[in-house]
Amino acid sequence: VDVHDVKDANAFNYLCVIEDEKGNEVPIGRTYNTSIKVGEGDILKVEFVNLSLYTDPDSAKVWFNWWSPHVIMAREEEKKPDNTLTAEKLVKASHGTVAEKVWPKRYAERDDIVLLTLHQNGSLSVGKIVKVNDKIGIVSKVIGGG
């Protein structure tokens, strides 16, 4: 997957994922444009206003989406992104939305993104916390651009 280079600007944006406890990719969204350049598979710290959790009503696919996602820095020392348990905590902390929504087309072509099931009690079956950031933010992995 490529990194999107913004035409006529020294800027880039990134389609990012986090991971479930088994290391499967779970979509989290696209960043705003940034001058920070990284490659596919690199780790970024992204801060945002809020994080929402969505479930596709037909397929039960689960994904996250951030609002106003600003890339803060490349995290070269990190080898893995934050996980879905951290994201669930950030949905609550940031007063994000939990709702049904149709699976985004930007993920429809990818067969490497995990399908998670949202349980009736509103939780996902995920593992331990990797980290909880001191600000509303998350460490995510770049899977594409544009």
C-alpha atoms as a PDB file:
ATOM      1  CA  VAL A   1       0.000   0.000   0.000  1.00  0.00           C
ATOM      2  CA  ASP A   2       1.303   3.429  -0.857  1.00  0.00           C
ATOM      3  CA  VAL A   3       1.749   6.637   1.132  1.00  0.00           C
ATOM      4  CA  HIS A   4      -0.223   9.531  -0.360  1.00  0.00           C
ATOM      5  CA  ASP A   5       1.976  12.430  -1.474  1.00  0.00           C
ATOM      6  CA  VAL A   6      -0.154  15.596  -1.682  1.00  0.00           C
ATOM      7  CA  LYS A   7       0.259  17.173  -5.127  1.00  0.00           C
ATOM      8  CA  ASP A   8       2.179  20.477  -5.261  1.00  0.00           C
ATOM      9  CA  ALA A   9       2.870  20.432  -1.522  1.00  0.00           C
ATOM     10  CA  ASN A  10       5.451  19.036   0.852  1.00  0.00           C
ATOM     11  CA  ALA A  11       2.696  17.075   2.598  1.00  0.00           C
ATOM     12  CA  PHE A  12       1.488  13.515   3.076  1.00  0.00           C
ATOM     13  CA  ASN A  13      -1.506  11.744   4.608  1.00  0.00           C
ATOM     14  CA  TYR A  14      -1.853   8.193   5.823  1.00  0.00           C
ATOM     15  CA  LEU A  15      -4.492   5.497   6.068  1.00  0.00           C
ATOM     16  CA  CYS A  16      -3.870   3.873   9.471  1.00  0.00           C
ATOM     17  CA  VAL A  17      -4.774   0.823  11.524  1.00  0.00           C
ATOM     18  CA  ILE A  18      -4.395  -0.408  15.072  1.00  0.00           C
ATOM     19  CA  GLU A  19      -4.280  -4.089  16.056  1.00  0.00           C
ATOM     20  CA  ASP A  20      -6.412  -6.539  17.968  1.00  0.00           C
ATOM     21  CA  GLU A  21      -4.804  -8.919  20.494  1.00  0.00           C
ATOM     22  CA  LYS A  22      -3.838 -11.342  17.731  1.00  0.00           C
ATOM     23  CA  GLY A  23      -2.102  -8.674  15.649  1.00  0.00           C
ATOM     24  CA  ASN A  24      -4.895  -8.370  13.080  1.00  0.00           C
ATOM     25  CA  GLU A  25      -5.305  -4.923  11.545  1.00  0.00           C
ATOM     26  CA  VAL A  26      -8.369  -2.900  12.561  1.00  0.00           C
ATOM     27  CA  PRO A  27      -9.078   0.323  10.628  1.00  0.00           C
ATOM     28  CA  ILE A  28      -8.856   3.631  12.478  1.00  0.00           C
ATOM     29  CA  GLY A  29      -8.900   6.174   9.631  1.00  0.00           C
ATOM     30  CA  ARG A  30      -6.918   8.581   7.491  1.00  0.00           C
ATOM     31  CA  THR A  31      -4.792  11.364   8.969  1.00  0.00           C
ATOM     32  CA  TYR A  32      -4.861  15.006   8.013  1.00  0.00           C
ATOM     33  CA  ASN A  33      -2.026  16.209   5.776  1.00  0.00           C
ATOM     34  CA  THR A  34       1.357  16.482   7.476  1.00  0.00           C
ATOM     35  CA  SER A  35       4.945  17.310   6.566  1.00  0.00           C
ATOM     36  CA  ILE A  36       6.096  14.207   8.479  1.00  0.00           C
ATOM     37  CA  LYS A  37       7.030  11.511   5.965  1.00  0.00           C
ATOM     38  CA  VAL A  38       6.987   7.828   6.854  1.00  0.00           C
ATOM     39  CA  GLY A  39       6.563   4.612   4.893  1.00  0.00           C
ATOM     40  CA  GLU A  40       4.056   1.797   4.893  1.00  0.00           C
ATOM     41  CA  GLY A  41       4.286  -0.205   8.117  1.00  0.00           C
ATOM     42  CA  ASP A  42       5.838   2.660  10.081  1.00  0.00           C
ATOM     43  CA  ILE A  43       4.327   3.739  13.392  1.00  0.00           C
ATOM     44  CA  LEU A  44       2.849   7.216  13.984  1.00  0.00           C
ATOM     45  CA  LYS A  45       1.547   9.021  17.044  1.00  0.00           C
ATOM     46  CA  VAL A  46      -1.727  10.708  16.096  1.00  0.00           C
ATOM     47  CA  GLU A  47      -3.739  13.068  18.297  1.00  0.00           C
ATOM     48  CA  PHE A  48      -7.408  13.753  17.666  1.00  0.00           C
ATOM     49  CA  VAL A  49     -10.513  15.387  19.122  1.00  0.00           C
ATOM     50  CA  ASN A  50     -12.502  12.186  19.489  1.00  0.00           C
ATOM     51  CA  LEU A  51     -12.548   8.570  18.429  1.00  0.00           C
ATOM     52  CA  SER A  52     -15.705   6.711  17.379  1.00  0.00           C
ATOM     53  CA  LEU A  53     -16.521   3.009  17.172  1.00  0.00           C
ATOM     54  CA  TYR A  54     -18.703   1.778  14.302  1.00  0.00           C
ATOM     55  CA  THR A  55     -20.279  -1.549  13.380  1.00  0.00           C
ATOM     56  CA  ASP A  56     -21.548  -2.356   9.896  1.00  0.00           C
ATOM     57  CA  PRO A  57     -25.230  -3.362  10.320  1.00  0.00           C
ATOM     58  CA  ASP A  58     -25.056  -6.038   7.594  1.00  0.00           C
ATOM     59  CA  SER A  59     -21.638  -7.649   8.063  1.00  0.00           C
ATOM     60  CA  ALA A  60     -20.974  -6.852  11.775  1.00  0.00           C
ATOM     61  CA  LYS A  61     -17.497  -5.572  10.784  1.00  0.00           C
ATOM     62  CA  VAL A  62     -16.111  -3.222  13.431  1.00  0.00           C
ATOM     63  CA  TRP A  63     -13.793  -0.252  12.908  1.00  0.00           C
ATOM     64  CA  PHE A  64     -12.755   2.982  14.578  1.00  0.00           C
ATOM     65  CA  ASN A  65     -12.673   6.480  13.118  1.00  0.00           C
ATOM     66  CA  TRP A  66     -10.953   9.563  14.497  1.00  0.00           C
ATOM     67  CA  TRP A  67     -12.019  13.196  14.134  1.00  0.00           C
ATOM     68  CA  SER A  68      -9.394  15.857  13.406  1.00  0.00           C
ATOM     69  CA  PRO A  69      -6.431  13.421  13.323  1.00  0.00           C
ATOM     70  CA  HIS A  70      -3.109  15.278  13.441  1.00  0.00           C
ATOM     71  CA  VAL A  71       0.155  13.380  13.051  1.00  0.00           C
ATOM     72  CA  ILE A  72       2.356  14.377  16.011  1.00  0.00           C
ATOM     73  CA  MET A  73       5.461  12.333  15.288  1.00  0.00           C
ATOM     74  CA  ALA A  74       6.914   9.204  13.778  1.00  0.00           C
ATOM     75  CA  ARG A  75       7.466   6.624  16.527  1.00  0.00           C
ATOM     76  CA  GLU A  76      10.578   4.854  15.289  1.00  0.00           C
ATOM     77  CA  GLU A  77      11.091   3.142  18.665  1.00  0.00           C
ATOM     78  CA  GLU A  78       7.627   1.540  18.477  1.00  0.00           C
ATOM     79  CA  LYS A  79       7.261  -1.756  16.637  1.00  0.00           C
ATOM     80  CA  LYS A  80       3.513  -2.233  17.087  1.00  0.00           C
ATOM     81  CA  PRO A  81       0.540   0.142  17.120  1.00  0.00           C
ATOM     82  CA  ASP A  82      -1.837   0.482  20.061  1.00  0.00           C
ATOM     83  CA  ASN A  83      -4.602  -2.094  20.275  1.00  0.00           C
ATOM     84  CA  THR A  84      -8.381  -2.101  20.202  1.00  0.00           C
ATOM     85  CA  LEU A  85      -8.729  -2.140  23.990  1.00  0.00           C
ATOM     86  CA  THR A  86      -6.836   1.150  24.153  1.00  0.00           C
ATOM     87  CA  ALA A  87      -9.058   2.481  21.359  1.00  0.00           C
ATOM     88  CA  GLU A  88     -12.226   1.468  23.247  1.00  0.00           C
ATOM     89  CA  LYS A  89     -11.006   3.396  26.300  1.00  0.00           C
ATOM     90  CA  LEU A  90     -10.288   6.428  24.098  1.00  0.00           C
ATOM     91  CA  VAL A  91     -13.797   6.256  22.574  1.00  0.00           C
ATOM     92  CA  LYS A  92     -15.187   6.649  26.108  1.00  0.00           C
ATOM     93  CA  ALA A  93     -12.625   9.238  27.231  1.00  0.00           C
ATOM     94  CA  SER A  94     -13.155  11.412  24.154  1.00  0.00           C
ATOM     95  CA  HIS A  95     -16.971  11.044  24.174  1.00  0.00           C
ATOM     96  CA  GLY A  96     -16.863   9.442  20.733  1.00  0.00           C
ATOM     97  CA  THR A  97     -19.849   7.902  18.997  1.00  0.00           C
ATOM     98  CA  VAL A  98     -20.725   4.213  19.191  1.00  0.00           C
ATOM     99  CA  ALA A  99     -23.111   3.454  16.335  1.00  0.00           C
ATOM    100  CA  GLU A 100     -23.983   1.378  13.309  1.00  0.00           C
ATOM    101  CA  LYS A 101     -22.540   2.640  10.039  1.00  0.00           C
ATOM    102  CA  VAL A 102     -21.875   1.109   6.616  1.00  0.00           C
ATOM    103  CA  TRP A 103     -18.337  -0.335   6.170  1.00  0.00           C
ATOM    104  CA  PRO A 104     -16.207   2.338   4.416  1.00  0.00           C
ATOM    105  CA  LYS A 105     -15.386   1.758   0.746  1.00  0.00           C
ATOM    106  CA  ARG A 106     -11.707   2.556   1.406  1.00  0.00           C
ATOM    107  CA  TYR A 107     -11.486  -0.723   3.346  1.00  0.00           C
ATOM    108  CA  ALA A 108     -13.667  -2.838   1.031  1.00  0.00           C
ATOM    109  CA  GLU A 109     -10.783  -3.913  -1.221  1.00  0.00           C
ATOM    110  CA  ARG A 110      -8.499  -4.986   1.639  1.00  0.00           C
ATOM    111  CA  ASP A 111      -8.625  -8.628   2.673  1.00  0.00           C
ATOM    112  CA  ASP A 112      -6.056  -8.252   5.486  1.00  0.00           C
ATOM    113  CA  ILE A 113      -8.291  -6.202   7.793  1.00  0.00           C
ATOM    114  CA  VAL A 114      -9.789  -8.231  10.604  1.00  0.00           C
ATOM    115  CA  LEU A 115     -13.505  -8.663  11.148  1.00  0.00           C
ATOM    116  CA  LEU A 116     -14.371  -8.109  14.808  1.00  0.00           C
ATOM    117  CA  THR A 117     -17.698  -8.743  16.463  1.00  0.00           C
ATOM    118  CA  LEU A 118     -19.228  -6.194  18.799  1.00  0.00           C
ATOM    119  CA  HIS A 119     -20.798  -8.027  21.752  1.00  0.00           C
ATOM    120  CA  GLN A 120     -24.236  -7.198  23.130  1.00  0.00           C
ATOM    121  CA  ASN A 121     -22.657  -5.573  26.194  1.00  0.00           C
ATOM    122  CA  GLY A 122     -20.823  -3.157  23.865  1.00  0.00           C
ATOM    123  CA  SER A 123     -17.348  -4.649  24.249  1.00  0.00           C
ATOM    124  CA  LEU A 124     -14.949  -6.300  21.809  1.00  0.00           C
ATOM    125  CA  SER A 125     -13.106  -9.536  22.537  1.00  0.00           C
ATOM    126  CA  VAL A 126      -9.583  -8.153  22.815  1.00  0.00           C
ATOM    127  CA  GLY A 127      -6.511  -8.561  25.002  1.00  0.00           C
ATOM    128  CA  LYS A 128      -4.498  -6.497  27.441  1.00  0.00           C
ATOM    129  CA  ILE A 129      -3.684  -2.799  27.161  1.00  0.00           C
ATOM    130  CA  VAL A 130      -0.530  -2.021  25.201  1.00  0.00           C
ATOM    131  CA  LYS A 131      -0.527   1.580  26.416  1.00  0.00           C
ATOM    132  CA  VAL A 132      -2.884   4.409  27.212  1.00  0.00           C
ATOM    133  CA  ASN A 133      -1.504   7.721  26.017  1.00  0.00           C
ATOM    134  CA  ASP A 134      -1.373  10.734  28.313  1.00  0.00           C
ATOM    135  CA  LYS A 135      -3.378  12.747  25.775  1.00  0.00           C
ATOM    136  CA  ILE A 136      -6.207  11.806  23.483  1.00  0.00           C
ATOM    137  CA  GLY A 137      -4.054  10.053  20.950  1.00  0.00           C
ATOM    138  CA  ILE A 138      -3.062   6.672  19.693  1.00  0.00           C
ATOM    139  CA  VAL A 139      -0.100   4.961  18.100  1.00  0.00           C
ATOM    140  CA  SER A 140      -1.152   3.627  14.707  1.00  0.00           C
ATOM    141  CA  LYS A 141       0.442   1.821  11.777  1.00  0.00           C
ATOM    142  CA  VAL A 142       0.438   3.257   8.263  1.00  0.00           C
ATOM    143  CA  ILE A 143      -1.210   0.973   5.685  1.00  0.00           C
ATOM    144  CA  GLY A 144      -1.660   3.389   2.814  1.00  0.00           C
ATOM    145  CA  GLY A 145      -2.265   6.859   1.562  1.00  0.00           C
ATOM    146  CA  GLY A 146      -4.304   8.821  -0.887  1.00  0.00           C
END
